[in-house]
Amino acid sequence: MGARCGRAYPAASNGVSMVGHSEQIATLNGLSTTLVDSVNGYRNAAGKDMVGLFKDFFLEHASERQRVVEKLRATVVELGGKPAGNQASFLGRTHRGWLGLKAVLLGHDEKAIISEVERGELFLKKKFEAALDDEHLSGAARLAVQEAYQSVRNGHREICRMNANFE
């Protein structure tokens, strides 16, 4: 496993929130949008896997991430907010566009697909770690992010193992 695959995240403190629900809702919606990028990325990877070797893995992870999105959205509603829609972020759309161009130029190489999925997972993991580092995230919002982070961390670990098998 490379250095990007091995970081364990310490348990977050349960400090008292000094920030209103609106900032926590914004954090949850931002994470939800990034998770929608992950769902789309896994589905895209499943479609590009020409031999179907990893198709089930990618589709399972897309479904798992969709469940995580729904849990974060439920927490947003619980906090009195309006959940983000199913729109992917600009960064996510741009990344998928680049992957499409790269696939046309290089072909649908499973190693390249898995490496790109790993790169996306690392980005997602770091985004969740930054949210958990925010001392102002508290209560239901913190719990929802911690639970979602477990899915993200596990997915990242699995894709790192897959990628290591190619090396």
Foldseek 3Di string as FASTA:
>chain_A
DDPLQDDDADDFDADEAPDALVVLLVLLQVLLLLLLLLLVLLCVLLVLPVVNPCNVVSNVLSVVSVVLSVLSQVVSVVSVHHHDDSDHDPVSVVLVVVVVVCCVVPNSDNLVSLVSSLVSLSVSLVSLSVVSVPPNQHDPSNVSSVVSSVSSSVVNNVSVVVNVVVD
